[in-house]
PDB file of all heavy atoms in Angstrom:
ATOM      1  N   ILE A   1    -114.451  66.310-194.972  1.00  0.00           N
ATOM      2  CA  ILE A   1    -114.323  67.650-195.541  1.00  0.00           C
ATOM      3  C   ILE A   1    -114.795  67.620-196.974  1.00  0.00           C
ATOM      4  O   ILE A   1    -114.579  66.633-197.687  1.00  0.00           O
ATOM      5  CB  ILE A   1    -112.859  68.128-195.437  1.00  0.00           C
ATOM      6  CG1 ILE A   1    -112.711  69.598-195.821  1.00  0.00           C
ATOM      7  CG2 ILE A   1    -111.917  67.237-196.270  1.00  0.00           C
ATOM      8  CD1 ILE A   1    -111.330  70.169-195.467  1.00  0.00           C
ATOM      9  N   ASP A   2    -115.440  68.708-197.412  1.00  0.00           N
ATOM     10  CA  ASP A   2    -115.952  68.720-198.783  1.00  0.00           C
ATOM     11  C   ASP A   2    -114.853  69.100-199.759  1.00  0.00           C
ATOM     12  O   ASP A   2    -113.699  69.235-199.403  1.00  0.00           O
ATOM     13  CB  ASP A   2    -117.174  69.637-198.892  1.00  0.00           C
ATOM     14  CG  ASP A   2    -116.834  71.125-198.838  1.00  0.00           C
ATOM     15  OD1 ASP A   2    -115.662  71.464-198.568  1.00  0.00           O
ATOM     16  OD2 ASP A   2    -117.733  71.943-199.059  1.00  0.00           O
ATOM     17  N   TRP A   3    -115.229  69.283-201.023  1.00  0.00           N
ATOM     18  CA  TRP A   3    -114.254  69.458-202.086  1.00  0.00           C
ATOM     19  C   TRP A   3    -113.354  70.679-201.893  1.00  0.00           C
ATOM     20  O   TRP A   3    -112.169  70.618-202.178  1.00  0.00           O
ATOM     21  CB  TRP A   3    -114.973  69.603-203.440  1.00  0.00           C
ATOM     22  CG  TRP A   3    -116.016  68.572-203.669  1.00  0.00           C
ATOM     23  CD1 TRP A   3    -115.804  67.238-203.848  1.00  0.00           C
ATOM     24  CD2 TRP A   3    -117.432  68.776-203.750  1.00  0.00           C
ATOM     25  NE1 TRP A   3    -117.011  66.597-204.031  1.00  0.00           N
ATOM     26  CE2 TRP A   3    -118.014  67.514-203.983  1.00  0.00           C
ATOM     27  CE3 TRP A   3    -118.261  69.892-203.659  1.00  0.00           C
ATOM     28  CZ2 TRP A   3    -119.390  67.345-204.118  1.00  0.00           C
ATOM     29  CZ3 TRP A   3    -119.625  69.721-203.788  1.00  0.00           C
ATOM     30  CH2 TRP A   3    -120.173  68.456-204.013  1.00  0.00           C
ATOM     31  N   SER A   4    -113.961  71.766-201.437  1.00  0.00           N
ATOM     32  CA  SER A   4    -113.209  73.019-201.338  1.00  0.00           C
ATOM     33  C   SER A   4    -112.618  73.242-199.956  1.00  0.00           C
ATOM     34  O   SER A   4    -111.792  74.129-199.757  1.00  0.00           O
ATOM     35  CB  SER A   4    -114.127  74.202-201.667  1.00  0.00           C
ATOM     36  OG  SER A   4    -115.122  74.325-200.661  1.00  0.00           O
ATOM     37  N   GLY A   5    -113.071  72.458-198.988  1.00  0.00           N
ATOM     38  CA  GLY A   5    -112.671  72.701-197.607  1.00  0.00           C
ATOM     39  C   GLY A   5    -113.630  73.626-196.890  1.00  0.00           C
ATOM     40  O   GLY A   5    -113.427  73.945-195.719  1.00  0.00           O
ATOM     41  N   GLY A   6    -114.694  74.030-197.559  1.00  0.00           N
ATOM     42  CA  GLY A   6    -115.643  74.963-196.959  1.00  0.00           C
ATOM     43  C   GLY A   6    -116.578  74.339-195.949  1.00  0.00           C
ATOM     44  O   GLY A   6    -117.140  75.054-195.096  1.00  0.00           O
ATOM     45  N   SER A   7    -116.774  73.057-196.035  1.00  0.00           N
ATOM     46  CA  SER A   7    -117.655  72.363-195.085  1.00  0.00           C
ATOM     47  C   SER A   7    -116.902  71.211-194.454  1.00  0.00           C
ATOM     48  O   SER A   7    -116.282  70.406-195.145  1.00  0.00           O
ATOM     49  CB  SER A   7    -118.884  71.811-195.813  1.00  0.00           C
ATOM     50  OG  SER A   7    -119.687  72.855-196.321  1.00  0.00           O
ATOM     51  N   THR A   8    -116.981  71.159-193.139  1.00  0.00           N
ATOM     52  CA  THR A   8    -116.348  70.077-192.394  1.00  0.00           C
ATOM     53  C   THR A   8    -117.336  69.557-191.340  1.00  0.00           C
ATOM     54  O   THR A   8    -118.180  70.306-190.838  1.00  0.00           O
ATOM     55  CB  THR A   8    -115.063  70.545-191.691  1.00  0.00           C
ATOM     56  OG1 THR A   8    -115.373  71.653-190.833  1.00  0.00           O
ATOM     57  CG2 THR A   8    -114.012  70.965-192.697  1.00  0.00           C
ATOM     58  N   TYR A   9    -117.195  68.300-191.023  1.00  0.00           N
ATOM     59  CA  TYR A   9    -118.070  67.666-190.045  1.00  0.00           C
ATOM     60  C   TYR A   9    -117.199  66.797-189.141  1.00  0.00           C
ATOM     61  O   TYR A   9    -116.264  66.150-189.624  1.00  0.00           O
ATOM     62  CB  TYR A   9    -119.143  66.817-190.734  1.00  0.00           C
ATOM     63  CG  TYR A   9    -119.958  67.597-191.734  1.00  0.00           C
ATOM     64  CD1 TYR A   9    -119.505  67.750-193.040  1.00  0.00           C
ATOM     65  CD2 TYR A   9    -121.150  68.204-191.363  1.00  0.00           C
ATOM     66  CE1 TYR A   9    -120.235  68.490-193.959  1.00  0.00           C
ATOM     67  CE2 TYR A   9    -121.889  68.940-192.285  1.00  0.00           C
ATOM     68  CZ  TYR A   9    -121.427  69.070-193.570  1.00  0.00           C
ATOM     69  OH  TYR A   9    -122.151  69.804-194.481  1.00  0.00           O
ATOM     70  N   TYR A  10    -117.524  66.772-187.856  1.00  0.00           N
ATOM     71  CA  TYR A  10    -116.725  66.035-186.887  1.00  0.00           C
ATOM     72  C   TYR A  10    -117.599  65.171-185.995  1.00  0.00           C
ATOM     73  O   TYR A  10    -118.745  65.522-185.705  1.00  0.00           O
ATOM     74  CB  TYR A  10    -115.947  67.007-185.989  1.00  0.00           C
ATOM     75  CG  TYR A  10    -114.929  67.843-186.705  1.00  0.00           C
ATOM     76  CD1 TYR A  10    -115.264  69.076-187.242  1.00  0.00           C
ATOM     77  CD2 TYR A  10    -113.615  67.400-186.848  1.00  0.00           C
ATOM     78  CE1 TYR A  10    -114.331  69.853-187.909  1.00  0.00           C
ATOM     79  CE2 TYR A  10    -112.672  68.176-187.510  1.00  0.00           C
ATOM     80  CZ  TYR A  10    -113.040  69.397-188.036  1.00  0.00           C
ATOM     81  OH  TYR A  10    -112.102  70.147-188.692  1.00  0.00           O
ATOM     82  N   SER A  11    -117.037  64.085-185.524  1.00  0.00           N
ATOM     83  CA  SER A  11    -117.701  63.314-184.495  1.00  0.00           C
ATOM     84  C   SER A  11    -117.618  64.087-183.185  1.00  0.00           C
ATOM     85  O   SER A  11    -116.695  64.890-182.979  1.00  0.00           O
ATOM     86  CB  SER A  11    -117.056  61.942-184.345  1.00  0.00           C
ATOM     87  OG  SER A  11    -115.762  62.071-183.797  1.00  0.00           O
ATOM     88  N   ASP A  12    -118.539  63.840-182.307  1.00  0.00           N
ATOM     89  CA  ASP A  12    -118.540  64.535-181.019  1.00  0.00           C
ATOM     90  C   ASP A  12    -117.272  64.223-180.228  1.00  0.00           C
ATOM     91  O   ASP A  12    -116.806  65.057-179.445  1.00  0.00           O
ATOM     92  CB  ASP A  12    -119.777  64.144-180.210  1.00  0.00           C
ATOM     93  CG  ASP A  12    -121.054  64.741-180.777  1.00  0.00           C
ATOM     94  OD1 ASP A  12    -120.967  65.705-181.564  1.00  0.00           O
ATOM     95  OD2 ASP A  12    -122.134  64.232-180.432  1.00  0.00           O
ATOM     96  N   SER A  13    -116.714  63.050-180.427  1.00  0.00           N
ATOM     97  CA  SER A  13    -115.557  62.637-179.637  1.00  0.00           C
ATOM     98  C   SER A  13    -114.296  63.425-179.966  1.00  0.00           C
ATOM     99  O   SER A  13    -113.365  63.472-179.152  1.00  0.00           O
ATOM    100  CB  SER A  13    -115.304  61.142-179.823  1.00  0.00           C
ATOM    101  OG  SER A  13    -115.033  60.844-181.179  1.00  0.00           O
ATOM    102  N   VAL A  14    -114.237  64.036-181.133  1.00  0.00           N
ATOM    103  CA  VAL A  14    -113.032  64.776-181.520  1.00  0.00           C
ATOM    104  C   VAL A  14    -113.285  66.258-181.755  1.00  0.00           C
ATOM    105  O   VAL A  14    -112.324  67.024-181.945  1.00  0.00           O
ATOM    106  CB  VAL A  14    -112.379  64.177-182.777  1.00  0.00           C
ATOM    107  CG1 VAL A  14    -112.144  62.683-182.609  1.00  0.00           C
ATOM    108  CG2 VAL A  14    -113.208  64.449-184.026  1.00  0.00           C
ATOM    109  N   LYS A  15    -114.530  66.659-181.745  1.00  0.00           N
ATOM    110  CA  LYS A  15    -114.868  68.054-182.027  1.00  0.00           C
ATOM    111  C   LYS A  15    -114.159  68.977-181.043  1.00  0.00           C
ATOM    112  O   LYS A  15    -114.154  68.734-179.837  1.00  0.00           O
ATOM    113  CB  LYS A  15    -116.378  68.239-181.937  1.00  0.00           C
ATOM    114  CG  LYS A  15    -116.902  69.508-182.562  1.00  0.00           C
ATOM    115  CD  LYS A  15    -118.425  69.515-182.542  1.00  0.00           C
ATOM    116  CE  LYS A  15    -119.006  68.414-183.385  1.00  0.00           C
ATOM    117  NZ  LYS A  15    -120.489  68.417-183.407  1.00  0.00           N
ATOM    118  N   GLY A  16    -113.540  70.015-181.586  1.00  0.00           N
ATOM    119  CA  GLY A  16    -112.815  70.961-180.746  1.00  0.00           C
ATOM    120  C   GLY A  16    -111.371  70.578-180.504  1.00  0.00           C
ATOM    121  O   GLY A  16    -110.583  71.394-180.006  1.00  0.00           O
ATOM    122  N   ARG A  17    -110.997  69.357-180.857  1.00  0.00           N
ATOM    123  CA  ARG A  17    -109.606  68.904-180.662  1.00  0.00           C
ATOM    124  C   ARG A  17    -108.920  68.585-181.983  1.00  0.00           C
ATOM    125  O   ARG A  17    -107.727  68.828-182.139  1.00  0.00           O
ATOM    126  CB  ARG A  17    -109.579  67.657-179.778  1.00  0.00           C
ATOM    127  CG  ARG A  17    -110.153  67.869-178.393  1.00  0.00           C
ATOM    128  CD  ARG A  17    -109.935  66.645-177.502  1.00  0.00           C
ATOM    129  NE  ARG A  17    -110.590  65.453-178.018  1.00  0.00           N
ATOM    130  CZ  ARG A  17    -109.935  64.331-178.344  1.00  0.00           C
ATOM    131  NH1 ARG A  17    -108.629  64.248-178.202  1.00  0.00           N
ATOM    132  NH2 ARG A  17    -110.611  63.273-178.783  1.00  0.00           N
ATOM    133  N   PHE A  18    -109.665  68.031-182.918  1.00  0.00           N
ATOM    134  CA  PHE A  18    -109.102  67.646-184.210  1.00  0.00           C
ATOM    135  C   PHE A  18    -109.559  68.627-185.279  1.00  0.00           C
ATOM    136  O   PHE A  18    -110.669  69.172-185.212  1.00  0.00           O
ATOM    137  CB  PHE A  18    -109.567  66.250-184.603  1.00  0.00           C
ATOM    138  CG  PHE A  18    -109.010  65.123-183.778  1.00  0.00           C
ATOM    139  CD1 PHE A  18    -108.315  65.349-182.599  1.00  0.00           C
ATOM    140  CD2 PHE A  18    -109.184  63.810-184.200  1.00  0.00           C
ATOM    141  CE1 PHE A  18    -107.810  64.315-181.847  1.00  0.00           C
ATOM    142  CE2 PHE A  18    -108.689  62.748-183.455  1.00  0.00           C
ATOM    143  CZ  PHE A  18    -108.009  62.998-182.281  1.00  0.00           C
ATOM    144  N   THR A  19    -108.720  68.819-186.282  1.00  0.00           N
ATOM    145  CA  THR A  19    -109.062  69.679-187.404  1.00  0.00           C
ATOM    146  C   THR A  19    -108.680  68.991-188.709  1.00  0.00           C
ATOM    147  O   THR A  19    -107.536  68.568-188.876  1.00  0.00           O
ATOM    148  CB  THR A  19    -108.326  71.020-187.317  1.00  0.00           C
ATOM    149  OG1 THR A  19    -108.658  71.678-186.089  1.00  0.00           O
ATOM    150  CG2 THR A  19    -108.731  71.929-188.483  1.00  0.00           C
ATOM    151  N   ILE A  20    -109.639  68.900-189.615  1.00  0.00           N
ATOM    152  CA  ILE A  20    -109.363  68.370-190.940  1.00  0.00           C
ATOM    153  C   ILE A  20    -109.148  69.550-191.878  1.00  0.00           C
ATOM    154  O   ILE A  20    -109.831  70.580-191.786  1.00  0.00           O
ATOM    155  CB  ILE A  20    -110.505  67.457-191.431  1.00  0.00           C
ATOM    156  CG1 ILE A  20    -110.113  66.760-192.743  1.00  0.00           C
ATOM    157  CG2 ILE A  20    -111.814  68.224-191.589  1.00  0.00           C
ATOM    158  CD1 ILE A  20    -111.105  65.677-193.177  1.00  0.00           C
ATOM    159  N   SER A  21    -108.199  69.399-192.789  1.00  0.00           N
ATOM    160  CA  SER A  21    -107.950  70.434-193.783  1.00  0.00           C
ATOM    161  C   SER A  21    -107.438  69.754-195.040  1.00  0.00           C
ATOM    162  O   SER A  21    -107.081  68.573-195.016  1.00  0.00           O
ATOM    163  CB  SER A  21    -106.943  71.464-193.280  1.00  0.00           C
ATOM    164  OG  SER A  21    -105.690  70.858-193.021  1.00  0.00           O
ATOM    165  N   ARG A  22    -107.389  70.497-196.119  1.00  0.00           N
ATOM    166  CA  ARG A  22    -106.905  69.919-197.371  1.00  0.00           C
ATOM    167  C   ARG A  22    -106.142  70.969-198.153  1.00  0.00           C
ATOM    168  O   ARG A  22    -106.422  72.178-198.051  1.00  0.00           O
ATOM    169  CB  ARG A  22    -108.063  69.360-198.202  1.00  0.00           C
ATOM    170  CG  ARG A  22    -109.050  70.390-198.709  1.00  0.00           C
ATOM    171  CD  ARG A  22    -110.258  69.692-199.330  1.00  0.00           C
ATOM    172  NE  ARG A  22    -109.901  68.917-200.508  1.00  0.00           N
ATOM    173  CZ  ARG A  22    -110.650  67.909-200.998  1.00  0.00           C
ATOM    174  NH1 ARG A  22    -111.779  67.571-200.379  1.00  0.00           N
ATOM    175  NH2 ARG A  22    -110.271  67.265-202.084  1.00  0.00           N
ATOM    176  N   ASP A  23    -105.205  70.495-198.940  1.00  0.00           N
ATOM    177  CA  ASP A  23    -104.443  71.329-199.855  1.00  0.00           C
ATOM    178  C   ASP A  23    -104.616  70.714-201.236  1.00  0.00           C
ATOM    179  O   ASP A  23    -103.957  69.724-201.561  1.00  0.00           O
ATOM    180  CB  ASP A  23    -102.973  71.369-199.436  1.00  0.00           C
ATOM    181  CG  ASP A  23    -102.161  72.326-200.280  1.00  0.00           C
ATOM    182  OD1 ASP A  23    -102.569  72.644-201.411  1.00  0.00           O
ATOM    183  OD2 ASP A  23    -101.082  72.760-199.815  1.00  0.00           O
ATOM    184  N   ASN A  24    -105.502  71.286-202.025  1.00  0.00           N
ATOM    185  CA  ASN A  24    -105.797  70.697-203.331  1.00  0.00           C
ATOM    186  C   ASN A  24    -104.608  70.816-204.295  1.00  0.00           C
ATOM    187  O   ASN A  24    -104.492  70.025-205.227  1.00  0.00           O
ATOM    188  CB  ASN A  24    -107.034  71.345-203.933  1.00  0.00           C
ATOM    189  CG  ASN A  24    -108.315  70.878-203.259  1.00  0.00           C
ATOM    190  OD1 ASN A  24    -108.308  69.874-202.542  1.00  0.00           O
ATOM    191  ND2 ASN A  24    -109.402  71.592-203.462  1.00  0.00           N
ATOM    192  N   ALA A  25    -103.741  71.769-204.066  1.00  0.00           N
ATOM    193  CA  ALA A  25    -102.553  71.887-204.912  1.00  0.00           C
ATOM    194  C   ALA A  25    -101.577  70.742-204.657  1.00  0.00           C
ATOM    195  O   ALA A  25    -100.799  70.367-205.532  1.00  0.00           O
ATOM    196  CB  ALA A  25    -101.865  73.222-204.665  1.00  0.00           C
ATOM    197  N   LYS A  26    -101.626  70.182-203.453  1.00  0.00           N
ATOM    198  CA  LYS A  26    -100.739  69.075-203.097  1.00  0.00           C
ATOM    199  C   LYS A  26    -101.458  67.738-203.060  1.00  0.00           C
ATOM    200  O   LYS A  26    -100.857  66.729-202.685  1.00  0.00           O
ATOM    201  CB  LYS A  26    -100.104  69.345-201.729  1.00  0.00           C
ATOM    202  CG  LYS A  26     -99.187  70.552-201.701  1.00  0.00           C
ATOM    203  CD  LYS A  26     -98.556  70.725-200.338  1.00  0.00           C
ATOM    204  CE  LYS A  26     -97.590  71.905-200.333  1.00  0.00           C
ATOM    205  NZ  LYS A  26     -96.966  72.096-198.990  1.00  0.00           N
ATOM    206  N   ASN A  27    -102.746  67.735-203.408  1.00  0.00           N
ATOM    207  CA  ASN A  27    -103.543  66.500-203.395  1.00  0.00           C
ATOM    208  C   ASN A  27    -103.458  65.794-202.044  1.00  0.00           C
ATOM    209  O   ASN A  27    -103.328  64.567-201.975  1.00  0.00           O
ATOM    210  CB  ASN A  27    -103.081  65.540-204.501  1.00  0.00           C
ATOM    211  CG  ASN A  27    -103.409  66.046-205.885  1.00  0.00           C
ATOM    212  OD1 ASN A  27    -104.126  67.036-206.049  1.00  0.00           O
ATOM    213  ND2 ASN A  27    -102.872  65.390-206.899  1.00  0.00           N
ATOM    214  N   THR A  28    -103.537  66.566-200.999  1.00  0.00           N
ATOM    215  CA  THR A  28    -103.331  66.022-199.663  1.00  0.00           C
ATOM    216  C   THR A  28    -104.389  66.537-198.691  1.00  0.00           C
ATOM    217  O   THR A  28    -104.762  67.716-198.736  1.00  0.00           O
ATOM    218  CB  THR A  28    -101.928  66.383-199.144  1.00  0.00           C
ATOM    219  OG1 THR A  28    -100.950  65.854-200.044  1.00  0.00           O
ATOM    220  CG2 THR A  28    -101.688  65.785-197.763  1.00  0.00           C
ATOM    221  N   VAL A  29    -104.838  65.642-197.832  1.00  0.00           N
ATOM    222  CA  VAL A  29    -105.723  66.008-196.745  1.00  0.00           C
ATOM    223  C   VAL A  29    -104.994  65.727-195.433  1.00  0.00           C
ATOM    224  O   VAL A  29    -104.191  64.796-195.358  1.00  0.00           O
ATOM    225  CB  VAL A  29    -107.061  65.244-196.821  1.00  0.00           C
ATOM    226  CG1 VAL A  29    -106.857  63.742-196.661  1.00  0.00           C
ATOM    227  CG2 VAL A  29    -108.058  65.768-195.798  1.00  0.00           C
ATOM    228  N   TYR A  30    -105.262  66.564-194.440  1.00  0.00           N
ATOM    229  CA  TYR A  30    -104.562  66.468-193.168  1.00  0.00           C
ATOM    230  C   TYR A  30    -105.551  66.270-192.021  1.00  0.00           C
ATOM    231  O   TYR A  30    -106.704  66.703-192.093  1.00  0.00           O
ATOM    232  CB  TYR A  30    -103.770  67.751-192.898  1.00  0.00           C
ATOM    233  CG  TYR A  30    -102.795  68.096-193.987  1.00  0.00           C
ATOM    234  CD1 TYR A  30    -103.125  69.026-194.975  1.00  0.00           C
ATOM    235  CD2 TYR A  30    -101.542  67.494-194.041  1.00  0.00           C
ATOM    236  CE1 TYR A  30    -102.234  69.348-195.990  1.00  0.00           C
ATOM    237  CE2 TYR A  30    -100.642  67.819-195.049  1.00  0.00           C
ATOM    238  CZ  TYR A  30    -101.004  68.742-196.017  1.00  0.00           C
ATOM    239  OH  TYR A  30    -100.110  69.042-197.024  1.00  0.00           O
TER     240      TYR A  30
END
């Protein structure tokens, strides 16, 4: 995931099942 969360990229093996996200206020990525 990029700095703002605006761009994300996935491997084919997880696409559609996994989601990456981030909370910059909490310094955490999920």
